[in-house]
Amino acid sequence: MVKSAKSRAEEQFAATQKKDKQALNEREEARQAEAEHMASLRALRLAKEAADKKVAEEAAIEKAAAGKKKPSRLPQAHRRQI
C-alpha cells in the first residue's frame, strides 16, 4: 500500500523527535556524570584541606610548647656556652 506524503512526513518527524530526545538524554547524562565527578573532587579537596589544617595546628601547638622553656635567670654574659 502506498503511504501518503503526510504519513511519511509524520514518520520522519517522529524519528527526528526520537533522535533529538535521545541526544538530549545523552547530554544530560554526560552533564550529570561531570557534576558527580566535580563533587567528588571537591570532597577530596576539602578533606585534604581539613587534614592539612589539623596537622598545621598540631605543629603550631608543639612549637609553642617547645618554645615555653623556663628562661635562665643568669644574664646572657654569665650563661655557659655549649
Protein backbone atom coordinates (compact mmCIF):
# COMPACT_ATOMS: atom_id res chain seq x y z
CA MET A 1 0.00 0.00 0.00
CA VAL A 2 1.24 3.47 -0.85
CA LYS A 3 1.82 5.83 2.06
CA SER A 4 0.63 9.35 1.75
CA ALA A 5 3.07 12.23 1.91
CA LYS A 6 1.51 13.29 5.19
CA SER A 7 2.11 9.92 6.87
CA ARG A 8 5.72 9.81 5.59
CA ALA A 9 6.28 13.32 6.94
CA GLU A 10 4.78 12.33 10.28
CA GLU A 11 7.06 9.26 10.48
CA GLN A 12 10.08 11.36 9.60
CA PHE A 13 9.10 13.96 12.19
CA ALA A 14 8.62 11.27 14.85
CA ALA A 15 12.05 9.79 14.03
CA THR A 16 13.66 13.22 14.29
CA GLN A 17 11.93 13.86 17.59
CA LYS A 18 13.16 10.50 18.89
CA LYS A 19 16.76 11.29 17.87
CA ASP A 20 16.57 14.72 19.47
CA LYS A 21 15.22 13.28 22.71
CA GLN A 22 17.94 10.62 22.76
CA ALA A 23 20.66 13.24 22.16
CA LEU A 24 19.21 15.41 24.93
CA ASN A 25 19.24 12.43 27.32
CA GLU A 26 22.86 11.65 26.43
CA ARG A 27 23.89 15.27 27.07
CA GLU A 28 22.05 15.26 30.40
CA GLU A 29 23.75 12.01 31.44
CA ALA A 30 27.15 13.43 30.50
CA ARG A 31 26.41 16.62 32.45
CA GLN A 32 25.32 14.59 35.47
CA ALA A 33 28.47 12.45 35.32
CA GLU A 34 30.61 15.60 35.12
CA ALA A 35 28.78 17.12 38.11
CA GLU A 36 29.30 13.96 40.17
CA HIS A 37 32.99 13.91 39.25
CA MET A 38 33.40 17.56 40.26
CA ALA A 39 31.59 16.91 43.54
CA SER A 40 33.89 14.01 44.37
CA LEU A 41 36.96 16.11 43.56
CA ARG A 42 35.62 18.92 45.76
CA ALA A 43 35.02 16.50 48.63
CA LEU A 44 38.56 15.16 48.31
CA ARG A 45 39.98 18.69 48.26
CA LEU A 46 38.01 19.72 51.33
CA ALA A 47 39.10 16.58 53.19
CA LYS A 48 42.74 17.26 52.32
CA GLU A 49 42.46 20.90 53.41
CA ALA A 50 40.93 19.82 56.73
CA ALA A 51 43.70 17.27 57.31
CA ASP A 52 46.38 19.83 56.42
CA LYS A 53 44.82 22.35 58.78
CA LYS A 54 44.77 19.81 61.60
CA VAL A 55 48.43 18.92 61.04
CA ALA A 56 49.38 22.61 60.95
CA GLU A 57 47.51 23.27 64.20
CA GLU A 58 49.21 20.32 65.90
CA ALA A 59 52.62 21.51 64.68
CA ALA A 60 51.90 25.01 65.99
CA ILE A 61 50.91 23.58 69.40
CA GLU A 62 54.09 21.50 69.55
CA LYS A 63 56.18 24.50 68.53
CA ALA A 64 54.53 26.67 71.16
CA ALA A 65 55.06 24.01 73.83
CA ALA A 66 58.72 23.62 72.86
CA GLY A 67 59.23 27.37 72.95
CA LYS A 68 57.92 27.74 76.51
CA LYS A 69 61.09 26.65 78.26
CA LYS A 70 61.84 28.26 81.55
CA PRO A 71 64.19 31.16 80.84
CA SER A 72 67.53 31.22 82.55
CA ARG A 73 67.91 33.66 85.41
CA LEU A 74 71.51 34.34 84.58
CA PRO A 75 72.34 37.29 82.37
CA GLN A 76 73.48 36.45 78.84
CA ALA A 77 77.16 37.09 79.66
CA HIS A 78 77.17 34.61 82.55
CA ARG A 79 75.45 31.74 80.76
CA ARG A 80 77.56 28.74 79.92
CA GLN A 81 78.19 28.38 76.18
CA ILE A 82 77.55 24.93 74.78
